[in-house]
Amino acid sequence: MAEKACPRCSIISFNDECPLCGYKTSSNWNGLIVILDPDNSDLAKELNIRVPGRYALRVKEE
């Protein structure tokens, strides 16, 4: 089973629906960023990420 990413919040999962926002996920994504501590991460703040996890840098809807 391929990993998918959410076009709205970019989190990566194996689900057909995003575990954070419930939007339909896409298998068409590129780039990977791992956020461990969003409160102390400048990159997480810049990307508006509030939940630790794995995120895609670019996601296209299918």
PDB file of N, CA and C in Angstrom:
ATOM      1  N   MET A   1       0.837  -1.174   0.000  1.00  0.00           N
ATOM      2  CA  MET A   1       0.000   0.000   0.000  1.00  0.00           C
ATOM      3  C   MET A   1       0.890   1.248   0.000  1.00  0.00           C
ATOM      4  N   ALA A   2       0.622   2.161  -0.904  1.00  0.00           N
ATOM      5  CA  ALA A   2       1.433   3.368  -1.046  1.00  0.00           C
ATOM      6  C   ALA A   2       1.005   4.443  -0.054  1.00  0.00           C
ATOM      7  N   GLU A   3       1.977   5.226   0.357  1.00  0.00           N
ATOM      8  CA  GLU A   3       1.669   6.353   1.231  1.00  0.00           C
ATOM      9  C   GLU A   3       0.987   7.449   0.424  1.00  0.00           C
ATOM     10  N   LYS A   4       0.085   8.156   1.069  1.00  0.00           N
ATOM     11  CA  LYS A   4      -0.651   9.239   0.429  1.00  0.00           C
ATOM     12  C   LYS A   4      -0.517  10.489   1.277  1.00  0.00           C
ATOM     13  N   ALA A   5      -0.746  11.647   0.656  1.00  0.00           N
ATOM     14  CA  ALA A   5      -0.654  12.921   1.369  1.00  0.00           C
ATOM     15  C   ALA A   5      -1.930  13.721   1.162  1.00  0.00           C
ATOM     16  N   CYS A   6      -2.245  14.530   2.130  1.00  0.00           N
ATOM     17  CA  CYS A   6      -3.440  15.368   2.073  1.00  0.00           C
ATOM     18  C   CYS A   6      -3.139  16.664   1.319  1.00  0.00           C
ATOM     19  N   PRO A   7      -3.934  17.012   0.305  1.00  0.00           N
ATOM     20  CA  PRO A   7      -3.719  18.266  -0.427  1.00  0.00           C
ATOM     21  C   PRO A   7      -3.969  19.513   0.424  1.00  0.00           C
ATOM     22  N   ARG A   8      -4.733  19.388   1.492  1.00  0.00           N
ATOM     23  CA  ARG A   8      -5.033  20.549   2.351  1.00  0.00           C
ATOM     24  C   ARG A   8      -3.959  20.782   3.407  1.00  0.00           C
ATOM     25  N   CYS A   9      -3.609  19.737   4.161  1.00  0.00           N
ATOM     26  CA  CYS A   9      -2.663  19.946   5.267  1.00  0.00           C
ATOM     27  C   CYS A   9      -1.316  19.247   5.059  1.00  0.00           C
ATOM     28  N   SER A  10      -1.179  18.458   4.010  1.00  0.00           N
ATOM     29  CA  SER A  10       0.075  17.822   3.575  1.00  0.00           C
ATOM     30  C   SER A  10       0.575  16.672   4.442  1.00  0.00           C
ATOM     31  N   ILE A  11      -0.159  16.263   5.455  1.00  0.00           N
ATOM     32  CA  ILE A  11       0.313  15.145   6.281  1.00  0.00           C
ATOM     33  C   ILE A  11       0.277  13.852   5.460  1.00  0.00           C
ATOM     34  N   ILE A  12       1.244  12.998   5.705  1.00  0.00           N
ATOM     35  CA  ILE A  12       1.377  11.742   4.971  1.00  0.00           C
ATOM     36  C   ILE A  12       0.813  10.600   5.815  1.00  0.00           C
ATOM     37  N   SER A  13       0.028   9.735   5.168  1.00  0.00           N
ATOM     38  CA  SER A  13      -0.542   8.569   5.853  1.00  0.00           C
ATOM     39  C   SER A  13      -0.804   7.474   4.821  1.00  0.00           C
ATOM     40  N   PHE A  14      -1.290   6.346   5.281  1.00  0.00           N
ATOM     41  CA  PHE A  14      -1.682   5.260   4.390  1.00  0.00           C
ATOM     42  C   PHE A  14      -3.187   5.270   4.133  1.00  0.00           C
ATOM     43  N   ASN A  15      -3.891   6.214   4.713  1.00  0.00           N
ATOM     44  CA  ASN A  15      -5.349   6.266   4.639  1.00  0.00           C
ATOM     45  C   ASN A  15      -5.846   6.950   3.365  1.00  0.00           C
ATOM     46  N   ASP A  16      -7.088   6.657   2.981  1.00  0.00           N
ATOM     47  CA  ASP A  16      -7.725   7.336   1.854  1.00  0.00           C
ATOM     48  C   ASP A  16      -8.291   8.689   2.270  1.00  0.00           C
ATOM     49  N   GLU A  17      -8.439   8.889   3.578  1.00  0.00           N
ATOM     50  CA  GLU A  17      -8.877  10.173   4.122  1.00  0.00           C
ATOM     51  C   GLU A  17      -7.835  10.663   5.112  1.00  0.00           C
ATOM     52  N   CYS A  18      -7.630  11.970   5.138  1.00  0.00           N
ATOM     53  CA  CYS A  18      -6.650  12.580   6.030  1.00  0.00           C
ATOM     54  C   CYS A  18      -7.038  12.350   7.491  1.00  0.00           C
ATOM     55  N   PRO A  19      -6.085  11.894   8.325  1.00  0.00           N
ATOM     56  CA  PRO A  19      -6.397  11.687   9.742  1.00  0.00           C
ATOM     57  C   PRO A  19      -6.581  12.997  10.512  1.00  0.00           C
ATOM     58  N   LEU A  20      -6.114  14.118   9.952  1.00  0.00           N
ATOM     59  CA  LEU A  20      -6.249  15.407  10.636  1.00  0.00           C
ATOM     60  C   LEU A  20      -7.495  16.175  10.227  1.00  0.00           C
ATOM     61  N   CYS A  21      -7.743  16.275   8.914  1.00  0.00           N
ATOM     62  CA  CYS A  21      -8.850  17.130   8.458  1.00  0.00           C
ATOM     63  C   CYS A  21      -9.962  16.374   7.735  1.00  0.00           C
ATOM     64  N   GLY A  22      -9.744  15.088   7.416  1.00  0.00           N
ATOM     65  CA  GLY A  22     -10.786  14.287   6.782  1.00  0.00           C
ATOM     66  C   GLY A  22     -10.898  14.443   5.276  1.00  0.00           C
ATOM     67  N   TYR A  23     -10.004  15.229   4.654  1.00  0.00           N
ATOM     68  CA  TYR A  23     -10.029  15.441   3.211  1.00  0.00           C
ATOM     69  C   TYR A  23      -9.471  14.213   2.491  1.00  0.00           C
ATOM     70  N   LYS A  24      -9.865  14.001   1.236  1.00  0.00           N
ATOM     71  CA  LYS A  24      -9.389  12.864   0.439  1.00  0.00           C
ATOM     72  C   LYS A  24      -7.893  13.024   0.154  1.00  0.00           C
ATOM     73  N   THR A  25      -7.116  11.977   0.412  1.00  0.00           N
ATOM     74  CA  THR A  25      -5.673  12.033   0.200  1.00  0.00           C
ATOM     75  C   THR A  25      -5.307  11.701  -1.243  1.00  0.00           C
ATOM     76  N   SER A  26      -4.069  12.017  -1.607  1.00  0.00           N
ATOM     77  CA  SER A  26      -3.584  11.821  -2.969  1.00  0.00           C
ATOM     78  C   SER A  26      -2.260  11.068  -2.941  1.00  0.00           C
ATOM     79  N   SER A  27      -2.039  10.217  -3.938  1.00  0.00           N
ATOM     80  CA  SER A  27      -0.757   9.516  -4.051  1.00  0.00           C
ATOM     81  C   SER A  27       0.235  10.320  -4.887  1.00  0.00           C
ATOM     82  N   ASN A  28      -0.179  11.481  -5.373  1.00  0.00           N
ATOM     83  CA  ASN A  28       0.664  12.346  -6.199  1.00  0.00           C
ATOM     84  C   ASN A  28       1.276  13.444  -5.325  1.00  0.00           C
ATOM     85  N   TRP A  29       2.396  13.113  -4.668  1.00  0.00           N
ATOM     86  CA  TRP A  29       3.071  14.072  -3.804  1.00  0.00           C
ATOM     87  C   TRP A  29       4.580  13.943  -3.946  1.00  0.00           C
ATOM     88  N   ASN A  30       5.301  15.011  -3.553  1.00  0.00           N
ATOM     89  CA  ASN A  30       6.761  15.046  -3.637  1.00  0.00           C
ATOM     90  C   ASN A  30       7.336  15.706  -2.394  1.00  0.00           C
ATOM     91  N   GLY A  31       8.555  15.322  -2.063  1.00  0.00           N
ATOM     92  CA  GLY A  31       9.264  15.928  -0.941  1.00  0.00           C
ATOM     93  C   GLY A  31       8.745  15.435   0.391  1.00  0.00           C
ATOM     94  N   LEU A  32       9.613  15.433   1.379  1.00  0.00           N
ATOM     95  CA  LEU A  32       9.240  14.932   2.696  1.00  0.00           C
ATOM     96  C   LEU A  32       9.911  15.780   3.757  1.00  0.00           C
ATOM     97  N   ILE A  33       9.132  16.170   4.753  1.00  0.00           N
ATOM     98  CA  ILE A  33       9.665  16.864   5.913  1.00  0.00           C
ATOM     99  C   ILE A  33       9.087  16.186   7.146  1.00  0.00           C
ATOM    100  N   VAL A  34       9.926  15.983   8.149  1.00  0.00           N
ATOM    101  CA  VAL A  34       9.482  15.370   9.397  1.00  0.00           C
ATOM    102  C   VAL A  34       9.543  16.437  10.485  1.00  0.00           C
ATOM    103  N   ILE A  35       8.413  16.680  11.119  1.00  0.00           N
ATOM    104  CA  ILE A  35       8.326  17.658  12.199  1.00  0.00           C
ATOM    105  C   ILE A  35       8.138  16.892  13.507  1.00  0.00           C
ATOM    106  N   LEU A  36       9.108  17.021  14.407  1.00  0.00           N
ATOM    107  CA  LEU A  36       9.038  16.337  15.695  1.00  0.00           C
ATOM    108  C   LEU A  36       8.470  17.235  16.788  1.00  0.00           C
ATOM    109  N   ASP A  37       8.850  18.513  16.763  1.00  0.00           N
ATOM    110  CA  ASP A  37       8.420  19.463  17.792  1.00  0.00           C
ATOM    111  C   ASP A  37       7.969  20.759  17.123  1.00  0.00           C
ATOM    112  N   PRO A  38       6.713  20.836  16.704  1.00  0.00           N
ATOM    113  CA  PRO A  38       6.245  22.004  15.959  1.00  0.00           C
ATOM    114  C   PRO A  38       6.312  23.310  16.747  1.00  0.00           C
ATOM    115  N   ASP A  39       6.257  23.240  18.069  1.00  0.00           N
ATOM    116  CA  ASP A  39       6.306  24.460  18.877  1.00  0.00           C
ATOM    117  C   ASP A  39       7.668  25.140  18.832  1.00  0.00           C
ATOM    118  N   ASN A  40       8.728  24.361  18.636  1.00  0.00           N
ATOM    119  CA  ASN A  40      10.083  24.911  18.618  1.00  0.00           C
ATOM    120  C   ASN A  40      10.727  24.859  17.238  1.00  0.00           C
ATOM    121  N   SER A  41       9.950  24.637  16.204  1.00  0.00           N
ATOM    122  CA  SER A  41      10.476  24.532  14.845  1.00  0.00           C
ATOM    123  C   SER A  41      10.110  25.768  14.028  1.00  0.00           C
ATOM    124  N   ASP A  42      11.138  26.469  13.538  1.00  0.00           N
ATOM    125  CA  ASP A  42      10.890  27.630  12.677  1.00  0.00           C
ATOM    126  C   ASP A  42      10.229  27.200  11.372  1.00  0.00           C
ATOM    127  N   LEU A  43      10.643  26.063  10.840  1.00  0.00           N
ATOM    128  CA  LEU A  43      10.063  25.564   9.595  1.00  0.00           C
ATOM    129  C   LEU A  43       8.589  25.197   9.780  1.00  0.00           C
ATOM    130  N   ALA A  44       8.260  24.582  10.897  1.00  0.00           N
ATOM    131  CA  ALA A  44       6.856  24.242  11.175  1.00  0.00           C
ATOM    132  C   ALA A  44       6.008  25.508  11.272  1.00  0.00           C
ATOM    133  N   LYS A  45       6.548  26.535  11.891  1.00  0.00           N
ATOM    134  CA  LYS A  45       5.816  27.803  11.995  1.00  0.00           C
ATOM    135  C   LYS A  45       5.622  28.426  10.621  1.00  0.00           C
ATOM    136  N   GLU A  46       6.658  28.381   9.787  1.00  0.00           N
ATOM    137  CA  GLU A  46       6.570  28.943   8.435  1.00  0.00           C
ATOM    138  C   GLU A  46       5.556  28.191   7.583  1.00  0.00           C
ATOM    139  N   LEU A  47       5.464  26.870   7.763  1.00  0.00           N
ATOM    140  CA  LEU A  47       4.535  26.043   6.996  1.00  0.00           C
ATOM    141  C   LEU A  47       3.183  25.880   7.689  1.00  0.00           C
ATOM    142  N   ASN A  48       3.017  26.529   8.837  1.00  0.00           N
ATOM    143  CA  ASN A  48       1.765  26.486   9.601  1.00  0.00           C
ATOM    144  C   ASN A  48       1.404  25.055  10.032  1.00  0.00           C
ATOM    145  N   ILE A  49       2.405  24.320  10.512  1.00  0.00           N
ATOM    146  CA  ILE A  49       2.221  22.948  10.985  1.00  0.00           C
ATOM    147  C   ILE A  49       2.162  22.965  12.505  1.00  0.00           C
ATOM    148  N   ARG A  50       1.105  22.385  13.061  1.00  0.00           N
ATOM    149  CA  ARG A  50       0.910  22.397  14.513  1.00  0.00           C
ATOM    150  C   ARG A  50       0.954  21.008  15.148  1.00  0.00           C
ATOM    151  N   VAL A  51       0.985  19.961  14.314  1.00  0.00           N
ATOM    152  CA  VAL A  51       0.950  18.582  14.813  1.00  0.00           C
ATOM    153  C   VAL A  51       2.214  17.860  14.348  1.00  0.00           C
ATOM    154  N   PRO A  52       2.929  17.164  15.244  1.00  0.00           N
ATOM    155  CA  PRO A  52       4.103  16.401  14.816  1.00  0.00           C
ATOM    156  C   PRO A  52       3.717  15.338  13.793  1.00  0.00           C
ATOM    157  N   GLY A  53       4.615  15.087  12.848  1.00  0.00           N
ATOM    158  CA  GLY A  53       4.344  14.054  11.855  1.00  0.00           C
ATOM    159  C   GLY A  53       5.194  14.220  10.619  1.00  0.00           C
ATOM    160  N   ARG A  54       4.853  13.430   9.606  1.00  0.00           N
ATOM    161  CA  ARG A  54       5.549  13.469   8.311  1.00  0.00           C
ATOM    162  C   ARG A  54       4.667  14.223   7.329  1.00  0.00           C
ATOM    163  N   TYR A  55       5.256  15.174   6.614  1.00  0.00           N
ATOM    164  CA  TYR A  55       4.501  16.038   5.715  1.00  0.00           C
ATOM    165  C   TYR A  55       5.136  16.071   4.330  1.00  0.00           C
ATOM    166  N   ALA A  56       4.286  16.169   3.314  1.00  0.00           N
ATOM    167  CA  ALA A  56       4.747  16.313   1.933  1.00  0.00           C
ATOM    168  C   ALA A  56       4.978  17.794   1.647  1.00  0.00           C
ATOM    169  N   LEU A  57       5.966  18.085   0.808  1.00  0.00           N
ATOM    170  CA  LEU A  57       6.224  19.475   0.444  1.00  0.00           C
ATOM    171  C   LEU A  57       5.300  19.948  -0.669  1.00  0.00           C
ATOM    172  N   ARG A  58       4.940  19.042  -1.584  1.00  0.00           N
ATOM    173  CA  ARG A  58       4.006  19.367  -2.667  1.00  0.00           C
ATOM    174  C   ARG A  58       3.016  18.223  -2.831  1.00  0.00           C
ATOM    175  N   VAL A  59       1.744  18.581  -2.948  1.00  0.00           N
ATOM    176  CA  VAL A  59       0.693  17.575  -3.139  1.00  0.00           C
ATOM    177  C   VAL A  59      -0.244  18.065  -4.226  1.00  0.00           C
ATOM    178  N   LYS A  60      -0.529  17.191  -5.201  1.00  0.00           N
ATOM    179  CA  LYS A  60      -1.515  17.494  -6.242  1.00  0.00           C
ATOM    180  C   LYS A  60      -2.721  16.591  -6.032  1.00  0.00           C
ATOM    181  N   GLU A  61      -3.902  17.170  -6.156  1.00  0.00           N
ATOM    182  CA  GLU A  61      -5.124  16.375  -6.019  1.00  0.00           C
ATOM    183  C   GLU A  61      -5.263  15.432  -7.201  1.00  0.00           C
ATOM    184  N   GLU A  62      -5.870  14.283  -6.951  1.00  0.00           N
ATOM    185  CA  GLU A  62      -6.102  13.312  -8.029  1.00  0.00           C
ATOM    186  C   GLU A  62      -7.474  13.479  -8.605  1.00  0.00           C
TER     187      GLU A  62
END
